[in-house]
Amino acid sequence: MLNEWIDNVKSLPNNKAAGPSGISYEMLKNLNEDNQSFLHAFICVCMDLNNIPDKWKKAMIYPSSLT
């Protein structure tokens, strides 16, 4: 599962605004393998325990013109 996590992180687009956490995709992409492994394990534990931090449940959504 870690390899799938790393592949997904690598495929994230660049030059996107960070969300409420302030963590950008570029920051995630630049983590070394040990830190990727730690972050993946941490997120898995949160999901397994159904203990999702409130800030993870928030997003900033901006309307844009489709013209």
PDB file of N, CA and C in Angstrom:
ATOM      1  N   MET A   1       0.809  -1.201   0.000  1.00  0.00           N
ATOM      2  CA  MET A   1       0.000   0.000   0.000  1.00  0.00           C
ATOM      3  C   MET A   1       0.851   1.262   0.000  1.00  0.00           C
ATOM      4  N   LEU A   2       2.021   1.196   0.587  1.00  0.00           N
ATOM      5  CA  LEU A   2       2.883   2.374   0.607  1.00  0.00           C
ATOM      6  C   LEU A   2       3.276   2.768  -0.809  1.00  0.00           C
ATOM      7  N   ASN A   3       3.593   1.784  -1.651  1.00  0.00           N
ATOM      8  CA  ASN A   3       3.965   2.104  -3.034  1.00  0.00           C
ATOM      9  C   ASN A   3       2.817   2.788  -3.767  1.00  0.00           C
ATOM     10  N   GLU A   4       1.599   2.340  -3.504  1.00  0.00           N
ATOM     11  CA  GLU A   4       0.431   2.977  -4.116  1.00  0.00           C
ATOM     12  C   GLU A   4       0.302   4.420  -3.628  1.00  0.00           C
ATOM     13  N   TRP A   5       0.537   4.640  -2.335  1.00  0.00           N
ATOM     14  CA  TRP A   5       0.511   5.994  -1.759  1.00  0.00           C
ATOM     15  C   TRP A   5       1.537   6.880  -2.465  1.00  0.00           C
ATOM     16  N   ILE A   6       2.765   6.398  -2.573  1.00  0.00           N
ATOM     17  CA  ILE A   6       3.835   7.188  -3.183  1.00  0.00           C
ATOM     18  C   ILE A   6       3.514   7.479  -4.647  1.00  0.00           C
ATOM     19  N   ASP A   7       3.006   6.492  -5.374  1.00  0.00           N
ATOM     20  CA  ASP A   7       2.627   6.710  -6.777  1.00  0.00           C
ATOM     21  C   ASP A   7       1.534   7.767  -6.897  1.00  0.00           C
ATOM     22  N   ASN A   8       0.561   7.725  -5.996  1.00  0.00           N
ATOM     23  CA  ASN A   8      -0.511   8.725  -6.027  1.00  0.00           C
ATOM     24  C   ASN A   8       0.013  10.119  -5.708  1.00  0.00           C
ATOM     25  N   VAL A   9       0.903  10.223  -4.740  1.00  0.00           N
ATOM     26  CA  VAL A   9       1.482  11.526  -4.399  1.00  0.00           C
ATOM     27  C   VAL A   9       2.267  12.066  -5.589  1.00  0.00           C
ATOM     28  N   LYS A  10       3.048  11.219  -6.244  1.00  0.00           N
ATOM     29  CA  LYS A  10       3.826  11.654  -7.411  1.00  0.00           C
ATOM     30  C   LYS A  10       2.936  12.159  -8.541  1.00  0.00           C
ATOM     31  N   SER A  11       1.727  11.614  -8.648  1.00  0.00           N
ATOM     32  CA  SER A  11       0.840  11.985  -9.756  1.00  0.00           C
ATOM     33  C   SER A  11       0.025  13.252  -9.483  1.00  0.00           C
ATOM     34  N   LEU A  12       0.138  13.815  -8.282  1.00  0.00           N
ATOM     35  CA  LEU A  12      -0.606  15.029  -7.961  1.00  0.00           C
ATOM     36  C   LEU A  12      -0.108  16.190  -8.820  1.00  0.00           C
ATOM     37  N   PRO A  13      -1.008  17.098  -9.212  1.00  0.00           N
ATOM     38  CA  PRO A  13      -0.593  18.221 -10.058  1.00  0.00           C
ATOM     39  C   PRO A  13       0.255  19.229  -9.285  1.00  0.00           C
ATOM     40  N   ASN A  14       1.088  19.939 -10.008  1.00  0.00           N
ATOM     41  CA  ASN A  14       1.911  21.004  -9.425  1.00  0.00           C
ATOM     42  C   ASN A  14       1.179  22.342  -9.520  1.00  0.00           C
ATOM     43  N   ASN A  15       1.700  23.308  -8.793  1.00  0.00           N
ATOM     44  CA  ASN A  15       1.217  24.691  -8.850  1.00  0.00           C
ATOM     45  C   ASN A  15      -0.252  24.831  -8.466  1.00  0.00           C
ATOM     46  N   LYS A  16      -0.667  24.066  -7.480  1.00  0.00           N
ATOM     47  CA  LYS A  16      -2.019  24.193  -6.946  1.00  0.00           C
ATOM     48  C   LYS A  16      -1.929  24.810  -5.559  1.00  0.00           C
ATOM     49  N   ALA A  17      -2.922  25.592  -5.214  1.00  0.00           N
ATOM     50  CA  ALA A  17      -2.930  26.244  -3.903  1.00  0.00           C
ATOM     51  C   ALA A  17      -3.084  25.209  -2.794  1.00  0.00           C
ATOM     52  N   ALA A  18      -2.413  25.465  -1.699  1.00  0.00           N
ATOM     53  CA  ALA A  18      -2.552  24.604  -0.519  1.00  0.00           C
ATOM     54  C   ALA A  18      -3.929  24.815   0.095  1.00  0.00           C
ATOM     55  N   GLY A  19      -4.429  23.805   0.757  1.00  0.00           N
ATOM     56  CA  GLY A  19      -5.715  23.905   1.447  1.00  0.00           C
ATOM     57  C   GLY A  19      -5.544  24.546   2.815  1.00  0.00           C
ATOM     58  N   PRO A  20      -6.526  24.385   3.680  1.00  0.00           N
ATOM     59  CA  PRO A  20      -6.477  24.993   5.013  1.00  0.00           C
ATOM     60  C   PRO A  20      -5.260  24.570   5.833  1.00  0.00           C
ATOM     61  N   SER A  21      -4.700  23.398   5.560  1.00  0.00           N
ATOM     62  CA  SER A  21      -3.537  22.927   6.314  1.00  0.00           C
ATOM     63  C   SER A  21      -2.276  23.700   5.963  1.00  0.00           C
ATOM     64  N   GLY A  22      -2.272  24.315   4.781  1.00  0.00           N
ATOM     65  CA  GLY A  22      -1.073  25.002   4.309  1.00  0.00           C
ATOM     66  C   GLY A  22      -0.078  24.072   3.644  1.00  0.00           C
ATOM     67  N   ILE A  23      -0.424  22.797   3.510  1.00  0.00           N
ATOM     68  CA  ILE A  23       0.472  21.808   2.903  1.00  0.00           C
ATOM     69  C   ILE A  23       0.151  21.697   1.420  1.00  0.00           C
ATOM     70  N   SER A  24       1.130  21.994   0.589  1.00  0.00           N
ATOM     71  CA  SER A  24       0.928  21.918  -0.858  1.00  0.00           C
ATOM     72  C   SER A  24       1.305  20.539  -1.379  1.00  0.00           C
ATOM     73  N   TYR A  25       0.862  20.246  -2.596  1.00  0.00           N
ATOM     74  CA  TYR A  25       1.234  18.978  -3.228  1.00  0.00           C
ATOM     75  C   TYR A  25       2.749  18.882  -3.388  1.00  0.00           C
ATOM     76  N   GLU A  26       3.398  20.009  -3.685  1.00  0.00           N
ATOM     77  CA  GLU A  26       4.852  19.995  -3.842  1.00  0.00           C
ATOM     78  C   GLU A  26       5.546  19.585  -2.550  1.00  0.00           C
ATOM     79  N   MET A  27       5.011  20.033  -1.419  1.00  0.00           N
ATOM     80  CA  MET A  27       5.592  19.644  -0.131  1.00  0.00           C
ATOM     81  C   MET A  27       5.495  18.134   0.056  1.00  0.00           C
ATOM     82  N   LEU A  28       4.332  17.569  -0.257  1.00  0.00           N
ATOM     83  CA  LEU A  28       4.162  16.123  -0.130  1.00  0.00           C
ATOM     84  C   LEU A  28       5.106  15.383  -1.066  1.00  0.00           C
ATOM     85  N   LYS A  29       5.258  15.894  -2.285  1.00  0.00           N
ATOM     86  CA  LYS A  29       6.125  15.244  -3.269  1.00  0.00           C
ATOM     87  C   LYS A  29       7.587  15.257  -2.843  1.00  0.00           C
ATOM     88  N   ASN A  30       7.986  16.259  -2.075  1.00  0.00           N
ATOM     89  CA  ASN A  30       9.390  16.398  -1.682  1.00  0.00           C
ATOM     90  C   ASN A  30       9.749  15.660  -0.396  1.00  0.00           C
ATOM     91  N   LEU A  31       8.792  14.985   0.223  1.00  0.00           N
ATOM     92  CA  LEU A  31       9.112  14.189   1.412  1.00  0.00           C
ATOM     93  C   LEU A  31       9.972  12.993   1.019  1.00  0.00           C
ATOM     94  N   ASN A  32      10.951  12.676   1.864  1.00  0.00           N
ATOM     95  CA  ASN A  32      11.742  11.475   1.582  1.00  0.00           C
ATOM     96  C   ASN A  32      10.909  10.236   1.913  1.00  0.00           C
ATOM     97  N   GLU A  33      11.429   9.059   1.575  1.00  0.00           N
ATOM     98  CA  GLU A  33      10.648   7.828   1.727  1.00  0.00           C
ATOM     99  C   GLU A  33      10.275   7.547   3.184  1.00  0.00           C
ATOM    100  N   ASP A  34      11.176   7.852   4.122  1.00  0.00           N
ATOM    101  CA  ASP A  34      10.856   7.640   5.541  1.00  0.00           C
ATOM    102  C   ASP A  34       9.666   8.497   5.972  1.00  0.00           C
ATOM    103  N   ASN A  35       9.673   9.758   5.552  1.00  0.00           N
ATOM    104  CA  ASN A  35       8.566  10.647   5.915  1.00  0.00           C
ATOM    105  C   ASN A  35       7.281  10.281   5.183  1.00  0.00           C
ATOM    106  N   GLN A  36       7.398   9.827   3.931  1.00  0.00           N
ATOM    107  CA  GLN A  36       6.219   9.340   3.205  1.00  0.00           C
ATOM    108  C   GLN A  36       5.607   8.158   3.958  1.00  0.00           C
ATOM    109  N   SER A  37       6.467   7.255   4.400  1.00  0.00           N
ATOM    110  CA  SER A  37       6.016   6.071   5.129  1.00  0.00           C
ATOM    111  C   SER A  37       5.322   6.462   6.434  1.00  0.00           C
ATOM    112  N   PHE A  38       5.916   7.409   7.162  1.00  0.00           N
ATOM    113  CA  PHE A  38       5.317   7.865   8.417  1.00  0.00           C
ATOM    114  C   PHE A  38       3.956   8.506   8.168  1.00  0.00           C
ATOM    115  N   LEU A  39       3.873   9.393   7.183  1.00  0.00           N
ATOM    116  CA  LEU A  39       2.614  10.075   6.893  1.00  0.00           C
ATOM    117  C   LEU A  39       1.538   9.073   6.481  1.00  0.00           C
ATOM    118  N   HIS A  40       1.912   8.131   5.638  1.00  0.00           N
ATOM    119  CA  HIS A  40       0.967   7.098   5.207  1.00  0.00           C
ATOM    120  C   HIS A  40       0.467   6.295   6.410  1.00  0.00           C
ATOM    121  N   ALA A  41       1.378   5.864   7.273  1.00  0.00           N
ATOM    122  CA  ALA A  41       0.995   5.082   8.455  1.00  0.00           C
ATOM    123  C   ALA A  41       0.093   5.898   9.382  1.00  0.00           C
ATOM    124  N   PHE A  42       0.425   7.165   9.570  1.00  0.00           N
ATOM    125  CA  PHE A  42      -0.376   8.042  10.431  1.00  0.00           C
ATOM    126  C   PHE A  42      -1.802   8.177   9.901  1.00  0.00           C
ATOM    127  N   ILE A  43      -1.928   8.420   8.611  1.00  0.00           N
ATOM    128  CA  ILE A  43      -3.251   8.560   8.004  1.00  0.00           C
ATOM    129  C   ILE A  43      -4.026   7.249   8.106  1.00  0.00           C
ATOM    130  N   CYS A  44      -3.352   6.128   7.886  1.00  0.00           N
ATOM    131  CA  CYS A  44      -4.017   4.820   7.997  1.00  0.00           C
ATOM    132  C   CYS A  44      -4.539   4.574   9.408  1.00  0.00           C
ATOM    133  N   VAL A  45      -3.750   4.925  10.414  1.00  0.00           N
ATOM    134  CA  VAL A  45      -4.192   4.754  11.805  1.00  0.00           C
ATOM    135  C   VAL A  45      -5.411   5.632  12.084  1.00  0.00           C
ATOM    136  N   CYS A  46      -5.372   6.874  11.630  1.00  0.00           N
ATOM    137  CA  CYS A  46      -6.526   7.763  11.823  1.00  0.00           C
ATOM    138  C   CYS A  46      -7.776   7.174  11.181  1.00  0.00           C
ATOM    139  N   MET A  47      -7.631   6.641   9.976  1.00  0.00           N
ATOM    140  CA  MET A  47      -8.778   6.052   9.279  1.00  0.00           C
ATOM    141  C   MET A  47      -9.254   4.786   9.989  1.00  0.00           C
ATOM    142  N   ASP A  48      -8.319   3.936  10.398  1.00  0.00           N
ATOM    143  CA  ASP A  48      -8.685   2.685  11.074  1.00  0.00           C
ATOM    144  C   ASP A  48      -9.431   2.943  12.379  1.00  0.00           C
ATOM    145  N   LEU A  49      -9.017   3.972  13.093  1.00  0.00           N
ATOM    146  CA  LEU A  49      -9.650   4.305  14.370  1.00  0.00           C
ATOM    147  C   LEU A  49     -10.871   5.207  14.201  1.00  0.00           C
ATOM    148  N   ASN A  50     -11.143   5.582  12.950  1.00  0.00           N
ATOM    149  CA  ASN A  50     -12.233   6.509  12.651  1.00  0.00           C
ATOM    150  C   ASN A  50     -12.083   7.790  13.470  1.00  0.00           C
ATOM    151  N   ASN A  51     -10.854   8.254  13.580  1.00  0.00           N
ATOM    152  CA  ASN A  51     -10.522   9.456  14.330  1.00  0.00           C
ATOM    153  C   ASN A  51      -9.906  10.457  13.356  1.00  0.00           C
ATOM    154  N   ILE A  52     -10.765  11.090  12.575  1.00  0.00           N
ATOM    155  CA  ILE A  52     -10.325  12.016  11.545  1.00  0.00           C
ATOM    156  C   ILE A  52     -10.310  13.428  12.129  1.00  0.00           C
ATOM    157  N   PRO A  53      -9.155  14.100  12.101  1.00  0.00           N
ATOM    158  CA  PRO A  53      -9.103  15.470  12.623  1.00  0.00           C
ATOM    159  C   PRO A  53     -10.103  16.375  11.897  1.00  0.00           C
ATOM    160  N   ASP A  54     -10.745  17.262  12.632  1.00  0.00           N
ATOM    161  CA  ASP A  54     -11.748  18.156  12.047  1.00  0.00           C
ATOM    162  C   ASP A  54     -11.193  18.966  10.878  1.00  0.00           C
ATOM    163  N   LYS A  55      -9.945  19.405  10.980  1.00  0.00           N
ATOM    164  CA  LYS A  55      -9.371  20.215   9.903  1.00  0.00           C
ATOM    165  C   LYS A  55      -9.236  19.437   8.598  1.00  0.00           C
ATOM    166  N   TRP A  56      -9.149  18.124   8.677  1.00  0.00           N
ATOM    167  CA  TRP A  56      -9.069  17.307   7.461  1.00  0.00           C
ATOM    168  C   TRP A  56     -10.410  17.256   6.748  1.00  0.00           C
ATOM    169  N   LYS A  57     -11.463  17.599   7.451  1.00  0.00           N
ATOM    170  CA  LYS A  57     -12.809  17.517   6.891  1.00  0.00           C
ATOM    171  C   LYS A  57     -13.238  18.814   6.219  1.00  0.00           C
ATOM    172  N   LYS A  58     -12.354  19.801   6.194  1.00  0.00           N
ATOM    173  CA  LYS A  58     -12.693  21.108   5.643  1.00  0.00           C
ATOM    174  C   LYS A  58     -11.942  21.342   4.342  1.00  0.00           C
ATOM    175  N   ALA A  59     -12.574  22.082   3.465  1.00  0.00           N
ATOM    176  CA  ALA A  59     -11.949  22.453   2.197  1.00  0.00           C
ATOM    177  C   ALA A  59     -12.325  23.895   1.885  1.00  0.00           C
ATOM    178  N   MET A  60     -11.500  24.536   1.101  1.00  0.00           N
ATOM    179  CA  MET A  60     -11.809  25.882   0.639  1.00  0.00           C
ATOM    180  C   MET A  60     -12.255  25.751  -0.816  1.00  0.00           C
ATOM    181  N   ILE A  61     -13.472  26.177  -1.091  1.00  0.00           N
ATOM    182  CA  ILE A  61     -14.030  26.071  -2.432  1.00  0.00           C
ATOM    183  C   ILE A  61     -14.300  27.476  -2.949  1.00  0.00           C
ATOM    184  N   TYR A  62     -13.808  27.739  -4.161  1.00  0.00           N
ATOM    185  CA  TYR A  62     -13.983  29.045  -4.776  1.00  0.00           C
ATOM    186  C   TYR A  62     -14.751  28.884  -6.083  1.00  0.00           C
ATOM    187  N   PRO A  63     -15.778  29.704  -6.294  1.00  0.00           N
ATOM    188  CA  PRO A  63     -16.487  29.632  -7.570  1.00  0.00           C
ATOM    189  C   PRO A  63     -15.618  30.209  -8.682  1.00  0.00           C
ATOM    190  N   SER A  64     -15.802  29.681  -9.875  1.00  0.00           N
ATOM    191  CA  SER A  64     -15.084  30.234 -11.018  1.00  0.00           C
ATOM    192  C   SER A  64     -16.037  30.338 -12.192  1.00  0.00           C
ATOM    193  N   SER A  65     -15.762  31.280 -13.038  1.00  0.00           N
ATOM    194  CA  SER A  65     -16.585  31.496 -14.217  1.00  0.00           C
ATOM    195  C   SER A  65     -16.276  30.433 -15.260  1.00  0.00           C
ATOM    196  N   LEU A  66     -17.294  29.903 -15.885  1.00  0.00           N
ATOM    197  CA  LEU A  66     -17.103  28.886 -16.915  1.00  0.00           C
ATOM    198  C   LEU A  66     -17.060  29.489 -18.310  1.00  0.00           C
ATOM    199  N   THR A  67     -17.029  30.815 -18.389  1.00  0.00           N
ATOM    200  CA  THR A  67     -17.005  31.450 -19.714  1.00  0.00           C
ATOM    201  C   THR A  67     -15.613  31.670 -20.203  1.00  0.00           C
TER     202      THR A  67
END
